[in-house]
């Protein structure tokens, strides 16, 4: 499970870096790498979004485990 958590965290960090680049420099790294007109950026965004939701679940599960 630890490997899965690290993988989801890596994708979430990639998404955060991309949003930072968009906010500060108006540069979308995902579209620059995969092209704006292809389906690949949408797939990457979907994976990052799912990983973010999984990380929220891991965060709350971690809080519950510490209380016990």
C-alpha atoms as a PDB file:
ATOM      1  CA  UNK A   1       0.000   0.000   0.000  1.00  0.00           C
ATOM      2  CA  UNK A   2       2.906   2.342   0.677  1.00  0.00           C
ATOM      3  CA  UNK A   3       3.972   2.226  -2.995  1.00  0.00           C
ATOM      4  CA  UNK A   4       0.428   3.109  -4.095  1.00  0.00           C
ATOM      5  CA  UNK A   5       0.358   6.056  -1.691  1.00  0.00           C
ATOM      6  CA  UNK A   6       3.690   7.329  -2.964  1.00  0.00           C
ATOM      7  CA  UNK A   7       2.553   7.009  -6.584  1.00  0.00           C
ATOM      8  CA  UNK A   8      -0.640   8.985  -5.913  1.00  0.00           C
ATOM      9  CA  UNK A   9       1.357  11.607  -4.040  1.00  0.00           C
ATOM     10  CA  UNK A  10       3.774  11.979  -6.970  1.00  0.00           C
ATOM     11  CA  UNK A  11       0.896  12.562  -9.407  1.00  0.00           C
ATOM     12  CA  UNK A  12      -0.651  15.087  -7.022  1.00  0.00           C
ATOM     13  CA  UNK A  13       2.665  16.936  -6.769  1.00  0.00           C
ATOM     14  CA  UNK A  14       2.962  16.983 -10.566  1.00  0.00           C
ATOM     15  CA  UNK A  15      -0.509  18.522 -10.725  1.00  0.00           C
ATOM     16  CA  UNK A  16       0.398  21.125  -8.112  1.00  0.00           C
ATOM     17  CA  UNK A  17       3.565  22.080  -9.985  1.00  0.00           C
ATOM     18  CA  UNK A  18       1.581  22.396 -13.214  1.00  0.00           C
ATOM     19  CA  UNK A  19      -0.984  24.668 -11.517  1.00  0.00           C
ATOM     20  CA  UNK A  20       1.835  26.752 -10.075  1.00  0.00           C
ATOM     21  CA  UNK A  21       3.358  27.173 -13.521  1.00  0.00           C
ATOM     22  CA  UNK A  22      -0.031  28.165 -14.926  1.00  0.00           C
ATOM     23  CA  UNK A  23      -0.627  30.668 -12.130  1.00  0.00           C
ATOM     24  CA  UNK A  24       2.799  32.279 -12.107  1.00  0.00           C
ATOM     25  CA  UNK A  25       3.899  32.066 -15.728  1.00  0.00           C
ATOM     26  CA  UNK A  26       0.748  31.186 -17.742  1.00  0.00           C
ATOM     27  CA  UNK A  27       2.599  28.056 -18.895  1.00  0.00           C
ATOM     28  CA  UNK A  28       0.840  24.688 -19.010  1.00  0.00           C
ATOM     29  CA  UNK A  29       3.537  22.016 -18.757  1.00  0.00           C
ATOM     30  CA  UNK A  30       1.172  19.108 -19.486  1.00  0.00           C
ATOM     31  CA  UNK A  31      -0.062  20.654 -22.725  1.00  0.00           C
ATOM     32  CA  UNK A  32       3.484  21.631 -23.673  1.00  0.00           C
ATOM     33  CA  UNK A  33       4.625  18.015 -23.257  1.00  0.00           C
ATOM     34  CA  UNK A  34       1.666  16.208 -24.814  1.00  0.00           C
ATOM     35  CA  UNK A  35       0.116  18.823 -27.096  1.00  0.00           C
ATOM     36  CA  UNK A  36      -3.008  20.848 -26.455  1.00  0.00           C
ATOM     37  CA  UNK A  37      -5.060  19.172 -29.176  1.00  0.00           C
ATOM     38  CA  UNK A  38      -4.585  15.564 -28.086  1.00  0.00           C
ATOM     39  CA  UNK A  39      -6.454  13.474 -25.533  1.00  0.00           C
ATOM     40  CA  UNK A  40      -3.314  12.839 -23.450  1.00  0.00           C
ATOM     41  CA  UNK A  41      -3.582  16.041 -21.359  1.00  0.00           C
ATOM     42  CA  UNK A  42      -7.159  15.111 -20.411  1.00  0.00           C
ATOM     43  CA  UNK A  43      -5.982  11.663 -19.349  1.00  0.00           C
ATOM     44  CA  UNK A  44      -3.190  13.190 -17.245  1.00  0.00           C
ATOM     45  CA  UNK A  45      -5.632  15.660 -15.653  1.00  0.00           C
ATOM     46  CA  UNK A  46      -8.049  12.820 -14.855  1.00  0.00           C
ATOM     47  CA  UNK A  47      -5.291  10.741 -13.253  1.00  0.00           C
ATOM     48  CA  UNK A  48      -4.066  13.724 -11.204  1.00  0.00           C
ATOM     49  CA  UNK A  49      -7.619  14.472 -10.075  1.00  0.00           C
ATOM     50  CA  UNK A  50      -8.242  10.871  -9.018  1.00  0.00           C
ATOM     51  CA  UNK A  51      -4.923  10.780  -7.178  1.00  0.00           C
ATOM     52  CA  UNK A  52      -5.851  13.974  -5.350  1.00  0.00           C
ATOM     53  CA  UNK A  53      -9.120  12.411  -4.197  1.00  0.00           C
ATOM     54  CA  UNK A  54      -7.303   9.254  -3.123  1.00  0.00           C
ATOM     55  CA  UNK A  55      -4.846  11.383  -1.130  1.00  0.00           C
ATOM     56  CA  UNK A  56      -7.747  13.073   0.664  1.00  0.00           C
ATOM     57  CA  UNK A  57      -8.998   9.622   1.661  1.00  0.00           C
ATOM     58  CA  UNK A  58      -5.522   8.592   2.806  1.00  0.00           C
ATOM     59  CA  UNK A  59      -5.241  11.790   4.847  1.00  0.00           C
ATOM     60  CA  UNK A  60      -8.503  11.174   6.716  1.00  0.00           C
ATOM     61  CA  UNK A  61      -7.685   7.493   7.186  1.00  0.00           C
ATOM     62  CA  UNK A  62      -4.326   8.516   8.659  1.00  0.00           C
ATOM     63  CA  UNK A  63      -6.087  10.805  11.163  1.00  0.00           C
ATOM     64  CA  UNK A  64      -8.453   7.997  12.199  1.00  0.00           C
ATOM     65  CA  UNK A  65      -5.587   5.554  12.727  1.00  0.00           C
ATOM     66  CA  UNK A  66      -3.703   7.994  15.004  1.00  0.00           C
ATOM     67  CA  UNK A  67      -6.738   8.501  17.248  1.00  0.00           C
ATOM     68  CA  UNK A  68      -7.106   4.777  17.974  1.00  0.00           C
END
